[in-house]
Amino acid sequence: MLKRLMLALAVMAPAVLCTAVLAQDFPNRPVRIIVPWPPSGNVDITARTVAPALAEVLGQQVIVENRPGAGGTTGTAAVAKSAPDGYTLVMGHIGTFGFGPSLYSRLPYDSIRDFAPITLFANVPNMLVVNVSLPVKSVKELIALAKLRPGDLNYGSSSTGAGNHIAGELFKSMAGVKIVRIAYKGAGSALNALLGGELQLMFPSAGSVRGHIKSGRLRALAVTSPEPSALAPGLPTMAASGLPGYESISYTCMFAPAKTPSPVVNRLSQVVAEGLRTPAVKEMLFSVGSEVVASTPDEAVATIKSETDRIRKLINDAGLHEQ
């Protein structure tokens, strides 16, 4: 028995030593953060806001690279196949890591098995907003009107599986109303249609509509987060407005490829959290509609699994699957 134990330790020792050396030496070259969407979106802004703070603490250049395609899955899949050394990371959100596994039958990666979460960056709540011509001033009044006029009201969203889409489908399901989804190429196009009166309601990110609400061009009815949000002061939650249990909130998270050594993941998590908590970064992210979280890797894993399980039934019931 003792001989077998010594042999096992002899086999394990080089791997343990290699991991320890790698973690101690990390980083000794630039780190890349892949954003699997085009520039200027919320996730891209988040990555570029925090990158300088990371570079300062790590003592290495942090490069943000946009690699869009297939709703974020192209760049995400590329990172899943990258070397697990901490030098290639990816920005993800609830669409690619929470909704994706239930939406797509042939996703080119496994959102749990192929990645090592580093931290939850931030939460991005949505708002239920309506065109000011719609004669409702509360969620209850909207539900009553939708039931009175089934199929007459339209809501706008971007791509299938986007946060504004899932929020709308969850509303339909929980309120028991029939409203028609109109899909647009992007959230901006849908918002313009809402402002122009082509749509009656929408569930955009809170940060994208604050100016329109302040100017009186849109009317906000509720926020989709489980608790009231500082991004929407004074606005009630959907749950407190007649739909108990309603929750639809997007998250932004950073991932490394699976099998990245734990000491490297923990080092990155600590550094990213430190950068996210700086006043300048928190203020910048808040200005674009994100509330900083800065979680541990274990907390990130728990959130991703919980959100994936929570939304799976909705996607199945609503028949939102894509090939």
Protein backbone atom coordinates (compact mmCIF):
# COMPACT_ATOMS: atom_id res chain seq x y z
CA MET A 1 0.00 0.00 0.00
CA LEU A 2 2.78 2.43 0.95
CA LYS A 3 4.62 1.65 -2.27
CA ARG A 4 1.49 2.41 -4.32
CA LEU A 5 0.95 5.70 -2.46
CA MET A 6 4.54 6.79 -3.10
CA LEU A 7 4.18 5.93 -6.77
CA ALA A 8 0.96 7.96 -7.06
CA LEU A 9 2.60 10.95 -5.38
CA ALA A 10 5.55 10.67 -7.74
CA VAL A 11 3.22 10.80 -10.72
CA MET A 12 1.25 13.77 -9.33
CA ALA A 13 4.23 15.84 -8.20
CA PRO A 14 5.31 17.20 -11.63
CA ALA A 15 1.76 18.32 -12.48
CA VAL A 16 1.30 20.02 -9.10
CA LEU A 17 4.68 21.72 -9.42
CA CYS A 18 3.90 22.86 -12.97
CA THR A 19 0.58 24.38 -11.85
CA ALA A 20 2.22 26.18 -8.95
CA VAL A 21 4.96 27.62 -11.16
CA LEU A 22 2.42 28.71 -13.81
CA ALA A 23 0.28 30.49 -11.23
CA GLN A 24 3.29 32.18 -9.63
CA ASP A 25 4.54 33.37 -13.02
CA PHE A 26 1.13 34.60 -14.23
CA PRO A 27 0.91 36.85 -16.15
CA ASN A 28 4.15 37.28 -18.07
CA ARG A 29 2.61 38.43 -21.37
CA PRO A 30 -0.52 40.32 -22.56
CA VAL A 31 -3.97 38.98 -21.66
CA ARG A 32 -6.75 38.98 -24.28
CA ILE A 33 -10.42 39.48 -23.48
CA ILE A 34 -12.65 38.27 -26.32
CA VAL A 35 -15.95 40.11 -26.71
CA PRO A 36 -18.09 37.91 -29.00
CA TRP A 37 -20.22 40.84 -30.19
CA PRO A 38 -19.58 44.01 -32.23
CA PRO A 39 -18.07 47.13 -30.61
CA SER A 40 -20.11 49.66 -28.61
CA GLY A 41 -22.57 47.22 -27.07
CA ASN A 42 -23.08 46.95 -23.32
CA VAL A 43 -20.73 43.97 -22.90
CA ASP A 44 -18.04 45.62 -25.06
CA ILE A 45 -18.26 48.83 -23.03
CA THR A 46 -18.02 46.82 -19.82
CA ALA A 47 -14.86 45.01 -20.98
CA ARG A 48 -13.17 48.19 -22.22
CA THR A 49 -14.05 50.03 -19.02
CA VAL A 50 -12.42 47.49 -16.75
CA ALA A 51 -9.44 46.54 -18.99
CA PRO A 52 -7.18 49.50 -18.00
CA ALA A 53 -7.72 48.77 -14.31
CA LEU A 54 -6.79 45.10 -14.88
CA ALA A 55 -3.70 46.05 -16.84
CA GLU A 56 -2.52 48.32 -14.04
CA VAL A 57 -2.83 45.62 -11.39
CA LEU A 58 -1.51 42.74 -13.55
CA GLY A 59 1.40 44.74 -14.90
CA GLN A 60 0.64 43.49 -18.41
CA GLN A 61 -1.29 44.80 -21.39
CA VAL A 62 -4.96 43.73 -21.48
CA ILE A 63 -6.29 43.63 -25.04
CA VAL A 64 -10.02 43.67 -25.80
CA GLU A 65 -10.78 41.92 -29.09
CA ASN A 66 -14.20 41.84 -30.76
CA ARG A 67 -15.02 38.53 -32.44
CA PRO A 68 -18.75 38.68 -33.32
CA GLY A 69 -20.87 36.08 -35.06
CA ALA A 70 -23.84 33.74 -34.57
CA GLY A 71 -25.31 35.64 -31.63
CA GLY A 72 -22.09 35.55 -29.64
CA THR A 73 -21.44 31.83 -30.03
CA THR A 74 -18.55 32.12 -32.53
CA GLY A 75 -16.16 33.99 -30.27
CA THR A 76 -17.33 32.07 -27.21
CA ALA A 77 -16.65 28.71 -28.88
CA ALA A 78 -13.17 29.88 -29.94
CA VAL A 79 -12.23 30.62 -26.32
CA ALA A 80 -13.55 27.22 -25.22
CA LYS A 81 -10.89 25.68 -27.48
CA SER A 82 -8.08 28.02 -26.35
CA ALA A 83 -5.18 27.00 -24.14
CA PRO A 84 -6.32 26.86 -20.49
CA ASP A 85 -3.61 29.19 -19.21
CA GLY A 86 -5.52 32.37 -18.31
CA TYR A 87 -4.26 34.43 -21.25
CA THR A 88 -7.43 34.15 -23.36
CA LEU A 89 -10.69 35.09 -21.65
CA VAL A 90 -14.21 35.71 -22.88
CA MET A 91 -17.01 38.02 -21.88
CA GLY A 92 -20.36 36.28 -21.65
CA HIS A 93 -23.85 37.13 -20.54
CA ILE A 94 -27.08 35.36 -19.75
CA GLY A 95 -27.82 34.94 -23.46
CA THR A 96 -24.75 32.88 -24.34
CA PHE A 97 -24.41 31.05 -21.03
CA GLY A 98 -27.89 30.99 -19.47
CA PHE A 99 -30.42 30.88 -22.31
CA GLY A 100 -28.22 29.34 -25.01
CA PRO A 101 -28.15 25.76 -23.72
CA SER A 102 -31.96 25.62 -23.76
CA LEU A 103 -32.46 27.59 -26.98
CA TYR A 104 -30.04 25.86 -29.32
CA SER A 105 -29.86 22.14 -29.99
CA ARG A 106 -26.37 22.38 -31.51
CA LEU A 107 -24.51 24.91 -29.41
CA PRO A 108 -20.77 24.63 -30.22
CA TYR A 109 -19.80 24.57 -26.54
CA ASP A 110 -21.10 23.43 -23.17
CA SER A 111 -21.61 26.50 -21.00
CA ILE A 112 -20.83 24.59 -17.80
CA ARG A 113 -18.30 21.95 -18.86
CA ASP A 114 -16.13 24.01 -21.22
CA PHE A 115 -15.52 27.11 -19.09
CA ALA A 116 -14.17 28.24 -15.74
CA PRO A 117 -16.11 31.30 -14.50
CA ILE A 118 -13.91 34.05 -13.11
CA THR A 119 -16.46 36.52 -11.81
CA LEU A 120 -19.89 37.95 -12.40
CA PHE A 121 -19.15 41.48 -13.59
CA ALA A 122 -22.53 43.12 -13.28
CA ASN A 123 -26.30 42.77 -13.39
CA VAL A 124 -28.31 44.54 -16.08
CA PRO A 125 -32.02 44.91 -15.22
CA ASN A 126 -34.67 45.59 -17.83
CA MET A 127 -37.65 47.91 -17.61
CA LEU A 128 -41.19 47.44 -18.83
CA VAL A 129 -41.86 50.62 -20.81
CA VAL A 130 -44.81 51.64 -22.96
CA ASN A 131 -45.47 54.25 -25.60
CA VAL A 132 -47.08 57.26 -23.90
CA SER A 133 -50.12 56.93 -26.17
CA LEU A 134 -51.05 53.65 -24.50
CA PRO A 135 -53.66 54.42 -21.81
CA VAL A 136 -52.02 52.50 -18.95
CA LYS A 137 -49.99 53.67 -15.96
CA SER A 138 -49.30 50.40 -14.16
CA VAL A 139 -48.55 46.74 -14.86
CA LYS A 140 -52.03 45.76 -13.65
CA GLU A 141 -53.64 48.21 -16.07
CA LEU A 142 -51.50 46.86 -18.92
CA ILE A 143 -52.52 43.29 -18.13
CA ALA A 144 -56.18 44.28 -18.02
CA LEU A 145 -55.89 46.03 -21.39
CA ALA A 146 -54.05 43.09 -22.96
CA LYS A 147 -56.77 40.70 -21.79
CA LEU A 148 -59.44 43.02 -23.13
CA ARG A 149 -57.69 43.20 -26.53
CA PRO A 150 -55.95 39.82 -27.04
CA GLY A 151 -53.46 39.89 -29.90
CA ASP A 152 -53.79 43.64 -30.49
CA LEU A 153 -50.72 44.77 -28.54
CA ASN A 154 -47.17 44.37 -29.87
CA TYR A 155 -43.88 44.24 -28.01
CA GLY A 156 -40.49 44.65 -29.62
CA SER A 157 -37.28 42.73 -29.03
CA SER A 158 -33.96 42.01 -30.63
CA SER A 159 -32.72 38.48 -31.41
CA THR A 160 -34.27 35.31 -30.03
CA GLY A 161 -32.88 34.66 -26.57
CA ALA A 162 -31.94 38.28 -25.88
CA GLY A 163 -32.81 39.57 -22.43
CA ASN A 164 -35.55 41.83 -23.82
CA HIS A 165 -37.09 38.84 -25.60
CA ILE A 166 -37.07 36.48 -22.63
CA ALA A 167 -38.46 39.24 -20.37
CA GLY A 168 -41.39 39.68 -22.76
CA GLU A 169 -42.13 35.98 -23.00
CA LEU A 170 -41.98 35.63 -19.24
CA PHE A 171 -44.49 38.48 -18.92
CA LYS A 172 -46.85 36.81 -21.42
CA SER A 173 -46.60 33.49 -19.61
CA MET A 174 -47.05 34.76 -16.07
CA ALA A 175 -49.73 37.36 -16.88
CA GLY A 176 -51.66 34.99 -19.13
CA VAL A 177 -51.93 37.53 -21.94
CA LYS A 178 -51.65 37.31 -25.71
CA ILE A 179 -49.33 40.01 -27.07
CA VAL A 180 -47.40 39.76 -30.33
CA ARG A 181 -43.62 39.84 -30.48
CA ILE A 182 -42.04 41.88 -33.31
CA ALA A 183 -38.38 40.97 -33.76
CA TYR A 184 -35.76 43.50 -34.90
CA LYS A 185 -32.09 43.20 -35.81
CA GLY A 186 -31.12 45.04 -32.65
CA ALA A 187 -32.54 46.57 -29.49
CA GLY A 188 -31.89 50.06 -30.88
CA SER A 189 -34.15 49.45 -33.87
CA ALA A 190 -36.90 48.10 -31.64
CA LEU A 191 -36.59 51.11 -29.34
CA ASN A 192 -36.92 53.49 -32.28
CA ALA A 193 -40.08 51.64 -33.35
CA LEU A 194 -41.49 52.01 -29.84
CA LEU A 195 -40.73 55.73 -29.81
CA GLY A 196 -42.36 56.06 -33.24
CA GLY A 197 -45.57 54.37 -32.12
CA GLU A 198 -45.12 51.19 -34.19
CA LEU A 199 -44.97 49.20 -30.94
CA GLN A 200 -46.88 49.53 -27.70
CA LEU A 201 -44.38 48.11 -25.21
CA MET A 202 -40.88 46.77 -24.76
CA PHE A 203 -38.49 45.41 -22.10
CA PRO A 204 -35.24 47.29 -22.87
CA SER A 205 -32.23 47.50 -20.57
CA ALA A 206 -32.75 50.11 -17.88
CA GLY A 207 -29.77 52.20 -18.92
CA SER A 208 -30.88 52.54 -22.53
CA VAL A 209 -34.19 54.29 -21.84
CA ARG A 210 -33.62 56.53 -18.84
CA GLY A 211 -33.28 59.62 -21.04
CA HIS A 212 -36.50 58.86 -22.92
CA ILE A 213 -38.39 58.35 -19.67
CA LYS A 214 -37.05 61.59 -18.23
CA SER A 215 -38.06 63.49 -21.37
CA GLY A 216 -41.56 62.02 -21.26
CA ARG A 217 -41.28 60.15 -24.56
CA LEU A 218 -41.76 56.78 -22.83
CA ARG A 219 -43.61 55.71 -19.69
CA ALA A 220 -41.92 53.23 -17.34
CA LEU A 221 -44.16 50.79 -15.47
CA ALA A 222 -41.78 48.48 -13.61
CA VAL A 223 -38.24 47.12 -13.38
CA THR A 224 -37.59 43.41 -13.99
CA SER A 225 -35.06 42.84 -11.21
CA PRO A 226 -36.14 40.97 -8.04
CA GLU A 227 -35.43 44.07 -5.94
CA PRO A 228 -35.88 47.79 -6.71
CA SER A 229 -32.94 49.14 -8.71
CA ALA A 230 -30.91 52.30 -8.27
CA LEU A 231 -30.99 52.50 -12.07
CA ALA A 232 -34.75 53.10 -11.84
CA PRO A 233 -35.32 55.09 -8.64
CA GLY A 234 -38.90 54.97 -7.41
CA LEU A 235 -39.98 52.34 -9.94
CA PRO A 236 -41.63 49.18 -8.53
CA THR A 237 -40.57 45.67 -9.48
CA MET A 238 -42.70 43.49 -11.73
CA ALA A 239 -43.11 41.10 -8.80
CA ALA A 240 -44.55 43.87 -6.62
CA SER A 241 -46.79 45.08 -9.45
CA GLY A 242 -49.05 42.06 -9.68
CA LEU A 243 -46.73 39.27 -10.91
CA PRO A 244 -45.24 37.61 -7.79
CA GLY A 245 -42.07 35.70 -8.60
CA TYR A 246 -41.34 37.58 -11.83
CA GLU A 247 -37.61 38.07 -12.37
CA SER A 248 -35.71 38.73 -15.57
CA ILE A 249 -32.25 40.18 -15.21
CA SER A 250 -29.19 39.84 -17.41
CA TYR A 251 -25.71 39.32 -16.08
CA THR A 252 -22.28 39.92 -17.55
CA CYS A 253 -19.57 37.42 -16.64
CA MET A 254 -15.92 36.71 -17.49
CA PHE A 255 -14.77 33.17 -18.25
CA ALA A 256 -11.54 31.29 -18.87
CA PRO A 257 -11.36 27.95 -20.70
CA ALA A 258 -12.06 24.88 -18.59
CA LYS A 259 -9.04 23.32 -16.85
CA THR A 260 -7.39 26.71 -16.31
CA PRO A 261 -5.45 26.20 -13.04
CA SER A 262 -7.45 27.27 -9.99
CA PRO A 263 -4.68 29.58 -8.69
CA VAL A 264 -4.78 31.47 -12.02
CA VAL A 265 -8.59 31.68 -11.96
CA ASN A 266 -8.53 32.92 -8.37
CA ARG A 267 -5.83 35.48 -9.17
CA LEU A 268 -7.87 36.81 -12.09
CA SER A 269 -11.03 36.86 -10.00
CA GLN A 270 -9.37 38.93 -7.28
CA VAL A 271 -7.86 41.37 -9.77
CA VAL A 272 -11.09 41.79 -11.76
CA ALA A 273 -13.12 42.31 -8.59
CA GLU A 274 -10.60 44.91 -7.42
CA GLY A 275 -10.92 46.76 -10.72
CA LEU A 276 -14.72 46.58 -10.74
CA ARG A 277 -14.97 48.06 -7.27
CA THR A 278 -12.98 51.20 -8.06
CA PRO A 279 -15.27 54.27 -7.97
CA ALA A 280 -14.44 55.33 -11.54
CA VAL A 281 -15.28 51.91 -12.99
CA LYS A 282 -18.47 51.54 -10.92
CA GLU A 283 -19.62 55.00 -12.01
CA MET A 284 -18.89 54.32 -15.68
CA LEU A 285 -20.74 50.98 -15.67
CA PHE A 286 -23.68 52.49 -13.80
CA SER A 287 -23.91 55.20 -16.45
CA VAL A 288 -24.48 52.53 -19.14
CA GLY A 289 -27.02 50.63 -17.05
CA SER A 290 -24.98 48.02 -15.18
CA GLU A 291 -24.83 47.36 -11.44
CA VAL A 292 -21.46 45.95 -10.35
CA VAL A 293 -21.48 42.52 -8.67
CA ALA A 294 -17.81 41.33 -8.60
CA SER A 295 -18.56 37.78 -7.38
CA THR A 296 -16.27 34.87 -6.56
CA PRO A 297 -15.88 32.03 -9.10
CA ASP A 298 -18.10 29.75 -6.97
CA GLU A 299 -20.83 32.39 -6.80
CA ALA A 300 -20.64 32.82 -10.58
CA VAL A 301 -21.06 29.06 -11.12
CA ALA A 302 -24.08 28.96 -8.80
CA THR A 303 -25.75 31.91 -10.56
CA ILE A 304 -25.23 30.46 -14.05
CA LYS A 305 -26.63 27.06 -13.06
CA SER A 306 -29.57 28.63 -11.26
CA GLU A 307 -30.48 30.95 -14.15
CA THR A 308 -30.13 28.15 -16.71
CA ASP A 309 -32.49 25.91 -14.73
CA ARG A 310 -34.94 28.74 -14.01
CA ILE A 311 -35.39 29.73 -17.64
CA ARG A 312 -35.43 26.26 -19.21
CA LYS A 313 -39.12 25.65 -18.50
CA LEU A 314 -40.12 29.01 -19.97
CA ILE A 315 -38.19 28.34 -23.18
CA ASN A 316 -39.71 24.86 -23.48
CA ASP A 317 -43.25 26.07 -22.79
CA ALA A 318 -42.98 28.97 -25.21
CA GLY A 319 -41.45 26.83 -27.98
CA LEU A 320 -38.54 29.21 -28.49
CA HIS A 321 -36.06 26.58 -29.63
CA GLU A 322 -33.85 27.26 -32.66
CA GLN A 323 -31.75 24.79 -34.59
